[in-house]
Protein backbone atom coordinates (compact mmCIF):
# COMPACT_ATOMS: atom_id res chain seq x y z
CA MET A 1 7.68 -1.35 19.20
CA SER A 2 10.45 1.52 19.49
CA THR A 3 9.73 4.65 18.97
CA ASP A 4 13.52 6.02 19.37
CA MET A 5 13.05 8.42 16.52
CA PHE A 6 15.72 10.22 14.60
CA GLU A 7 14.41 13.37 14.96
CA ALA A 8 10.56 14.50 15.87
CA ARG A 9 9.50 15.00 12.57
CA ASP A 10 9.44 11.20 12.09
CA ARG A 11 6.78 11.33 13.71
CA CYS A 12 4.75 14.56 12.77
CA ASP A 13 1.21 14.77 11.80
CA PRO A 14 1.05 13.52 8.02
CA ALA A 15 -1.06 16.52 6.71
CA GLN A 16 1.02 18.76 8.54
CA ARG A 17 3.92 17.17 6.46
CA GLU A 18 2.26 17.42 2.95
CA ALA A 19 1.07 20.91 3.74
CA ASP A 20 5.06 22.08 4.54
CA LEU A 21 6.78 19.98 1.34
CA PHE A 22 4.02 21.35 -0.87
CA ALA A 23 4.74 24.96 0.91
CA LYS A 24 8.38 24.57 -0.31
CA LEU A 25 7.85 22.85 -3.67
CA PRO A 26 6.87 26.56 -5.92
CA ALA A 27 10.13 28.06 -3.99
CA ALA A 28 12.36 25.04 -4.98
CA ILE A 29 11.08 24.32 -8.86
CA ALA A 30 11.72 28.36 -9.31
CA HIS A 31 15.61 27.71 -7.91
CA ALA A 32 15.72 24.82 -10.80
CA GLN A 33 14.65 26.65 -13.29
CA ALA A 34 16.85 30.21 -12.63
CA THR A 35 19.90 28.39 -12.17
CA ALA A 36 19.82 24.95 -13.98
CA PRO A 37 19.39 25.22 -17.55
CA GLY A 38 18.32 21.89 -18.14
CA TRP A 39 15.38 22.53 -16.15
CA ALA A 40 14.70 25.71 -17.40
CA SER A 41 13.86 24.01 -20.80
CA HIS A 42 12.83 21.06 -19.27
CA LEU A 43 9.95 22.98 -17.24
CA ALA A 44 9.77 25.68 -19.85
CA GLY A 45 6.17 27.79 -19.90
CA VAL A 46 5.34 26.31 -15.93
CA ASP A 47 4.60 28.66 -13.61
CA ALA A 48 6.10 27.85 -10.28
CA THR A 49 3.89 29.44 -7.89
CA ALA A 50 0.95 27.39 -9.30
CA ILE A 51 2.93 24.18 -8.19
CA THR A 52 0.89 23.33 -4.65
CA SER A 53 -0.68 20.10 -4.62
CA ARG A 54 -0.22 16.63 -6.38
CA ASP A 55 -2.54 17.38 -8.52
CA THR A 56 -0.53 20.26 -10.01
CA LEU A 57 2.84 18.43 -9.61
CA ALA A 58 1.23 15.30 -11.90
CA ALA A 59 0.37 17.97 -14.65
CA LEU A 60 4.27 18.53 -15.13
CA PRO A 61 6.75 16.10 -17.35
CA ILE A 62 8.97 13.13 -15.77
CA LEU A 63 12.33 13.39 -16.27
CA ARG A 64 13.08 10.22 -16.63
CA LYS A 65 17.18 8.13 -16.21
CA SER A 66 17.19 7.94 -20.02
CA ASP A 67 16.43 11.14 -20.83
CA LEU A 68 18.98 12.37 -18.56
CA MET A 69 21.50 10.03 -20.32
CA ARG A 70 20.74 11.08 -23.40
CA LEU A 71 20.70 15.17 -22.01
CA GLN A 72 24.32 14.41 -20.34
CA LYS A 73 25.19 13.06 -23.78
CA GLU A 74 24.10 16.41 -25.70
CA GLN A 75 25.50 19.03 -23.04
CA PRO A 76 28.22 17.33 -21.05
CA PRO A 77 28.81 16.49 -18.29
CA PHE A 78 25.34 17.44 -16.06
CA GLY A 79 22.68 17.85 -19.42
CA GLY A 80 22.27 21.23 -17.48
CA PHE A 81 20.57 19.97 -14.67
CA LEU A 82 23.42 21.18 -12.22
CA SER A 83 22.38 24.05 -10.18
CA GLY A 84 24.93 26.94 -10.73
CA GLY A 85 28.55 25.33 -11.77
CA LEU A 86 30.63 22.78 -10.35
CA ALA A 87 31.45 25.52 -7.07
CA GLY A 88 28.45 23.72 -5.63
CA ALA A 89 29.73 20.27 -5.60
CA GLU A 90 32.00 18.29 -3.38
CA ARG A 91 32.70 14.64 -5.90
CA VAL A 92 31.72 14.41 -9.24
CA PHE A 93 30.93 10.33 -10.24
CA MET A 94 30.76 8.29 -13.17
CA SER A 95 27.91 5.59 -12.81
CA PRO A 96 27.52 2.90 -15.40
CA GLY A 97 25.83 3.86 -18.51
CA PRO A 98 27.58 6.16 -18.03
CA ILE A 99 25.85 8.71 -16.09
CA PHE A 100 27.19 11.33 -14.10
CA GLU A 101 26.28 12.96 -10.76
CA PRO A 102 27.37 15.58 -8.49
CA GLN A 103 28.02 14.95 -4.68
CA PRO A 104 25.96 17.86 -3.23
CA SER A 105 27.67 19.65 -0.39
CA GLY A 106 26.93 19.06 3.42
CA SER A 107 27.50 16.27 5.91
CA ASP A 108 24.89 14.18 4.79
CA PRO A 109 24.21 14.73 1.26
CA TRP A 110 22.13 11.64 0.17
CA ASN A 111 19.88 11.85 3.76
CA GLY A 112 21.16 7.92 4.44
CA ALA A 113 21.49 8.84 8.69
CA ARG A 114 18.19 8.72 9.03
CA ALA A 115 17.62 5.21 7.53
CA LEU A 116 20.64 3.92 9.18
CA HIS A 117 19.28 5.53 12.57
CA ALA A 118 16.30 3.43 12.10
CA ALA A 119 18.15 -0.07 11.47
CA GLY A 120 19.93 0.52 14.34
CA PHE A 121 23.34 2.58 14.11
CA ARG A 122 24.30 4.74 16.81
CA SER A 123 27.05 6.68 17.21
CA GLY A 124 30.31 4.84 17.99
CA ASP A 125 29.84 1.92 15.64
CA LEU A 126 32.10 0.78 13.34
CA VAL A 127 30.53 0.43 9.98
CA PHE A 128 32.02 -1.72 7.39
CA ASN A 129 31.31 -0.03 4.43
CA ALA A 130 31.19 -2.62 1.31
CA PHE A 131 29.98 -0.01 -0.85
CA ALA A 132 32.18 0.62 -4.21
CA TYR A 133 34.01 3.78 -3.53
CA HIS A 134 35.55 3.96 -7.01
CA LEU A 135 33.92 6.50 -9.48
CA THR A 136 30.52 5.45 -8.61
CA PRO A 137 28.72 6.82 -5.15
CA GLY A 138 27.79 4.09 -3.62
CA GLY A 139 30.30 3.67 -1.27
CA PHE A 140 29.90 7.81 -0.34
CA ILE A 141 25.91 7.55 0.04
CA LEU A 142 25.92 6.04 3.60
CA ASP A 143 29.85 6.85 4.22
CA CYS A 144 28.20 10.26 4.78
CA GLY A 145 24.78 9.45 6.65
CA ALA A 146 26.90 6.92 8.64
CA ARG A 147 29.42 9.57 9.76
CA ALA A 148 26.55 12.22 9.91
CA LEU A 149 25.22 10.00 12.88
CA GLY A 150 28.31 9.74 14.63
CA CYS A 151 29.60 6.11 13.45
CA THR A 152 32.84 5.57 12.57
CA VAL A 153 33.49 3.72 8.91
CA LEU A 154 35.68 1.12 7.69
CA PRO A 155 35.73 1.80 3.61
CA ALA A 156 35.99 -1.68 2.60
CA GLY A 157 34.57 -1.28 -0.91
CA VAL A 158 34.21 -3.92 -3.22
CA GLY A 159 36.76 -7.25 -3.27
CA ASN A 160 39.88 -7.74 -1.66
CA THR A 161 37.81 -10.72 0.36
CA ASP A 162 40.71 -12.23 2.55
CA LEU A 163 41.95 -8.47 3.29
CA GLN A 164 38.65 -7.72 4.54
CA LEU A 165 38.39 -10.81 6.49
CA GLU A 166 41.61 -9.60 8.77
CA ALA A 167 40.33 -5.99 9.12
CA ILE A 168 36.84 -7.87 10.37
CA GLU A 169 38.64 -9.88 12.81
CA VAL A 170 41.02 -6.87 14.12
CA LEU A 171 38.62 -4.40 14.10
CA LYS A 172 35.47 -6.13 14.83
CA PRO A 173 32.64 -3.69 13.18
CA SER A 174 29.20 -4.11 14.66
CA ALA A 175 27.73 -2.78 11.59
CA PHE A 176 27.91 -3.64 7.95
CA VAL A 177 26.34 -1.60 4.98
CA GLY A 178 26.40 -2.84 1.42
CA THR A 179 24.26 -5.02 -0.91
CA PRO A 180 22.40 -7.72 0.43
CA ASP A 181 24.55 -10.56 -1.00
CA HIS A 182 28.01 -9.40 -0.10
CA LEU A 183 27.87 -9.62 3.74
CA LYS A 184 26.82 -13.72 2.78
CA ILE A 185 29.94 -13.80 1.19
CA LEU A 186 32.04 -12.60 4.07
CA LEU A 187 30.46 -14.79 6.76
CA ASP A 188 30.66 -17.71 4.39
CA LYS A 189 34.44 -16.80 3.23
CA ALA A 190 34.59 -16.43 7.38
CA GLN A 191 33.77 -19.92 8.16
CA GLU A 192 35.31 -21.20 5.60
CA MET A 193 38.86 -20.02 6.23
CA GLY A 194 38.37 -20.04 10.30
CA ARG A 195 38.07 -16.31 11.06
CA ASP A 196 36.29 -14.30 13.51
CA ALA A 197 33.47 -12.20 11.66
CA SER A 198 31.42 -12.48 14.67
CA SER A 199 31.33 -8.50 15.59
CA PHE A 200 28.51 -7.89 12.73
CA LYS A 201 24.92 -7.41 14.68
CA ARG A 202 23.28 -5.55 12.61
CA ALA A 203 23.78 -4.33 8.75
CA LEU A 204 21.66 -2.11 6.29
CA VAL A 205 21.39 -3.34 2.77
CA SER A 206 20.85 -1.55 -0.99
CA GLY A 207 21.51 -2.11 -4.35
CA GLY A 208 19.03 -5.35 -4.87
CA ALA A 209 16.38 -7.44 -3.26
CA LEU A 210 16.82 -8.82 0.03
CA PHE A 211 14.76 -11.93 -0.21
CA PRO A 212 13.05 -13.44 2.74
CA SER A 213 15.61 -16.59 2.62
CA LEU A 214 18.38 -14.79 2.97
CA ARG A 215 17.05 -12.41 5.62
CA LYS A 216 16.33 -15.32 8.00
CA GLU A 217 19.68 -16.53 7.28
CA TYR A 218 21.30 -13.48 8.58
CA ALA A 219 19.44 -13.30 11.56
CA ASP A 220 20.40 -17.26 12.50
CA ARG A 221 23.50 -16.46 12.09
CA GLY A 222 22.82 -13.16 14.96
CA VAL A 223 23.02 -10.16 12.55
CA ASP A 224 19.62 -8.17 12.07
CA VAL A 225 19.10 -6.71 8.75
CA SER A 226 17.54 -3.80 6.98
CA GLN A 227 17.16 -2.17 3.68
CA CYS A 228 16.61 0.77 1.91
CA TYR A 229 15.63 2.19 -1.28
CA ALA A 230 18.70 4.64 -2.81
CA THR A 231 19.32 6.15 -5.92
CA ALA A 232 22.49 7.89 -7.06
CA GLU A 233 20.53 11.09 -8.29
CA LEU A 234 18.42 11.16 -4.95
CA GLY A 235 19.93 9.76 -2.24
CA VAL A 236 18.25 7.31 0.49
CA ILE A 237 14.57 7.64 -0.52
CA ALA A 238 12.70 5.41 2.10
CA TYR A 239 13.74 2.93 4.22
CA GLU A 240 12.90 -0.24 6.59
CA SER A 241 12.90 0.12 10.17
CA SER A 242 12.01 -2.61 12.84
CA ALA A 243 8.48 -2.77 11.94
CA ARG A 244 9.45 -4.67 8.78
CA GLU A 245 6.17 -3.34 7.01
CA GLY A 246 7.49 -1.70 3.87
CA MET A 247 9.92 1.10 3.56
CA ILE A 248 8.90 4.70 4.87
CA VAL A 249 9.39 7.23 2.64
CA ASN A 250 12.45 9.52 4.19
CA GLU A 251 11.96 13.65 4.89
CA ASP A 252 11.89 15.94 2.11
CA TYR A 253 11.00 14.08 -0.77
CA ILE A 254 7.64 14.04 -2.43
CA VAL A 255 6.82 10.41 -4.02
CA GLU A 256 4.52 9.65 -6.79
CA ILE A 257 3.85 6.22 -8.29
CA VAL A 258 2.27 6.53 -11.87
CA ARG A 259 1.36 4.24 -14.44
CA PRO A 260 4.75 2.90 -16.43
CA GLY A 261 5.40 5.10 -19.90
CA THR A 262 2.86 8.12 -18.27
CA GLY A 263 2.82 10.13 -16.29
CA GLU A 264 -0.58 9.81 -14.85
CA PRO A 265 -0.63 9.00 -10.75
CA VAL A 266 -2.24 5.69 -10.12
CA ALA A 267 -4.19 4.88 -7.04
CA ASP A 268 -2.84 3.99 -3.71
CA GLY A 269 -2.11 0.18 -3.66
CA ASP A 270 -1.65 0.22 -7.32
CA VAL A 271 1.51 -1.04 -8.52
CA GLY A 272 3.51 1.81 -10.80
CA GLU A 273 6.65 3.29 -11.48
CA LEU A 274 8.32 5.24 -8.86
CA VAL A 275 8.74 8.98 -8.76
CA VAL A 276 10.39 11.16 -6.64
CA THR A 277 10.39 15.17 -6.58
CA SER A 278 13.99 16.13 -4.13
CA PHE A 279 14.74 19.54 -2.31
CA ASN A 280 18.24 19.63 -3.04
CA LYS A 281 19.67 22.77 -3.83
CA THR A 282 22.83 21.71 -5.95
CA TYR A 283 21.20 18.98 -8.28
CA PRO A 284 17.43 19.61 -7.89
CA MET A 285 15.16 16.43 -9.46
CA ILE A 286 11.51 17.27 -10.14
CA ARG A 287 9.09 14.24 -11.04
CA PHE A 288 12.08 11.81 -11.72
CA GLY A 289 11.35 8.89 -13.15
CA THR A 290 13.49 6.04 -11.45
CA GLY A 291 12.31 3.12 -13.79
CA ASP A 292 11.39 1.06 -10.78
CA LEU A 293 8.08 -0.07 -9.77
CA SER A 294 6.63 0.16 -5.89
CA ALA A 295 3.11 0.56 -4.61
CA VAL A 296 2.14 2.85 -1.72
CA LEU A 297 0.63 1.04 1.73
CA PRO A 298 -2.35 2.46 3.16
CA GLY A 299 -2.10 3.20 6.72
CA LEU A 300 1.21 4.14 9.31
CA SER A 301 3.84 2.22 10.20
CA PRO A 302 3.60 0.23 13.83
CA CYS A 303 6.94 1.84 14.44
CA GLY A 304 5.23 5.22 15.15
CA ARG A 305 7.02 7.13 12.17
CA THR A 306 4.12 8.90 10.41
CA ASN A 307 5.67 9.22 6.51
CA ARG A 308 4.06 7.52 3.58
CA ARG A 309 5.14 3.74 2.71
CA ILE A 310 6.07 1.83 -0.24
CA GLY A 311 6.36 -1.42 -0.81
CA GLY A 312 9.63 -1.48 -1.74
CA TRP A 313 11.38 -2.05 -5.19
CA MET A 314 9.10 -4.42 -7.04
CA GLY A 315 10.95 -4.69 -10.05
CA ARG A 316 11.51 -2.82 -13.31
CA ALA A 317 9.14 -0.53 -14.98
CA ASP A 318 11.41 -1.16 -18.03
CA GLN A 319 14.04 -3.58 -19.10
CA ARG A 320 16.91 -2.11 -17.60
CA THR A 321 17.85 -4.09 -14.23
CA LYS A 322 19.90 -4.05 -11.36
CA ILE A 323 22.01 -7.59 -10.66
CA LYS A 324 24.69 -7.49 -8.06
CA GLY A 325 23.49 -3.83 -7.54
CA MET A 326 24.97 -3.03 -10.68
CA PHE A 327 22.35 -1.79 -13.46
CA VAL A 328 22.68 -3.73 -16.86
CA ASP A 329 20.55 -1.57 -20.03
CA PRO A 330 19.51 -3.71 -23.10
CA ALA A 331 21.11 -1.38 -24.88
CA GLN A 332 24.41 -3.02 -23.40
CA ILE A 333 23.11 -6.16 -24.53
CA ALA A 334 22.65 -4.60 -28.16
CA GLU A 335 26.13 -3.49 -27.63
CA LEU A 336 27.62 -7.27 -27.47
CA VAL A 337 25.40 -8.33 -30.33
CA LYS A 338 27.50 -5.85 -32.22
CA ALA A 339 30.57 -6.91 -31.58
CA HIS A 340 30.25 -10.67 -32.91
CA GLN A 341 28.72 -10.46 -36.24
CA GLU A 342 27.71 -14.50 -35.98
CA VAL A 343 25.42 -13.96 -32.79
CA THR A 344 22.01 -12.76 -34.50
CA LYS A 345 19.66 -12.16 -30.99
CA ALA A 346 20.50 -12.34 -27.19
CA ARG A 347 18.35 -12.07 -24.38
CA LEU A 348 19.69 -11.88 -20.97
CA ALA A 349 17.99 -13.93 -17.94
CA VAL A 350 18.67 -13.03 -14.32
CA THR A 351 17.52 -15.83 -11.55
CA ARG A 352 18.84 -16.86 -8.41
CA LYS A 353 21.39 -19.17 -7.58
CA GLY A 354 21.50 -20.14 -4.00
CA GLU A 355 21.12 -16.69 -2.14
CA SER A 356 22.71 -14.44 -4.97
CA ASP A 357 21.98 -13.06 -8.48
CA ALA A 358 23.09 -15.31 -11.63
CA MET A 359 22.49 -14.53 -15.05
CA THR A 360 22.27 -16.55 -18.15
CA LEU A 361 22.98 -15.20 -21.99
CA SER A 362 21.12 -17.09 -24.42
CA VAL A 363 22.90 -16.06 -28.00
CA GLU A 364 21.10 -17.64 -31.19
CA VAL A 365 24.12 -18.65 -33.68
CA ALA A 366 24.02 -21.25 -36.36
CA GLY A 367 27.28 -23.48 -35.51
CA GLY A 368 28.81 -21.81 -32.86
CA THR A 369 32.36 -22.90 -31.72
CA PRO A 370 33.62 -22.92 -27.86
CA SER A 371 36.37 -19.93 -29.25
CA LEU A 372 33.28 -18.26 -29.67
CA LEU A 373 31.20 -19.20 -26.74
CA GLU A 374 34.73 -17.89 -24.59
CA ALA A 375 34.53 -14.66 -26.51
CA VAL A 376 30.78 -13.68 -26.14
CA GLY A 377 31.05 -14.51 -22.30
CA LEU A 378 34.57 -12.12 -21.64
CA THR A 379 32.63 -9.23 -24.17
CA LEU A 380 29.07 -9.83 -21.52
CA LYS A 381 31.79 -9.20 -18.66
CA ALA A 382 33.36 -6.26 -20.35
CA VAL A 383 30.07 -4.65 -21.19
CA THR A 384 28.10 -5.07 -17.97
CA GLY A 385 30.86 -5.42 -15.47
CA LEU A 386 29.31 -8.71 -14.41
CA LYS A 387 30.30 -12.28 -15.28
CA GLY A 388 27.41 -14.51 -16.46
CA ASP A 389 27.15 -17.95 -18.39
CA VAL A 390 26.55 -17.74 -21.90
CA GLN A 391 24.43 -20.36 -24.12
CA PHE A 392 24.29 -21.14 -27.58
CA VAL A 393 20.54 -21.69 -29.16
CA ASP A 394 19.17 -21.98 -32.48
CA PRO A 395 18.10 -19.30 -34.97
CA GLY A 396 14.44 -18.28 -34.04
CA SER A 397 14.52 -19.99 -31.35
CA LEU A 398 14.24 -16.79 -28.80
CA PRO A 399 10.68 -15.48 -27.98
CA ASN A 400 9.31 -13.00 -30.26
CA ASP A 401 8.51 -10.48 -27.32
CA GLY A 402 10.77 -7.49 -27.81
CA LYS A 403 12.54 -9.20 -24.27
CA VAL A 404 16.57 -7.98 -24.14
CA ILE A 405 16.40 -8.70 -20.55
CA SER A 406 14.22 -11.44 -18.65
CA ASP A 407 14.21 -10.86 -14.90
CA GLU A 408 13.18 -14.26 -13.28
CA ARG A 409 13.83 -13.48 -9.92
CA THR A 410 10.88 -13.69 -7.75
CA TYR A 411 10.42 -11.55 -5.05
CA GLY A 412 8.33 -11.57 -1.68
């Protein structure tokens, strides 16, 4: 297994890494309390100098994405969690929710370069970036990482498949970043149109699960695909190496796995909510609850990297679900129900159709009409940004289990 590392500390002694992280944590917490009123309020009464271990960190309250969304509405735009002011941010973004995020300063503000390096990206590669550059930070997260690594980036974004294929055929990018499904869309369309997309040799995907069958299909087509786990608030938290045994936690993050709905850490190996602390001075995150499920894996990666490993994305601790790289929230389905007085209840099922995510909205309606079916479909697309099938069901037929979104995809 290759031991070609991004930097020497990828292989540092785990105990030393742990000591280094918690040695600098008190100053990071004190900085957040002093410069961001949101953190001063959230961590009121906390003595930063006392937070020097996992046990003391676990006593701090978790800030969840739903909390951040609420606080941003109360104190727009950042809820008081941006240190200093906008002068410290290079860009600002608006993600679905809505939720606003600043881009910190620096050449690799979301720590993407290490994950790209582990995926085989090297200086001189031309990287086709199929993440969105419009409003959301998705396109910029790995764009910055690739350029920090010495790569050249083609900012393709989403859509315009025909134009993208023309660019691929002429420019011959060797590397791809985007959602797991999008590369297949490009390769299939190229084959259908007789265009040459054979230049791709490696890819790093995120924003959804990379299913084993899809990874094998890519390998059969000559593309080595790795995945990473990232969020807009934190950047690239964990990434795969050539070992393909879980995801390695990125440097400069403290990762905890807690029992969903609590702040209580679970034992290594147990599945729980992923909670992350970062050391970003512009937009610090201290015990940020991602809402995603994962677990700490035992031992170290065979590739030689020594940081902790997690099992990757294992679903959601709540019903907020990522579909085709975008989050869909139960509140959006509630908005749809309110928009159509004929609808009494709705439930969104997320499945796989071939190698792509698919969603079907079941709505309880008495005597639905084709025009209502079409109208509900248009509202579904408007509130979620995604197309889905809609079906009518009899009133009272949906399960009485509190589920608004049912993720029926299988992972593993």
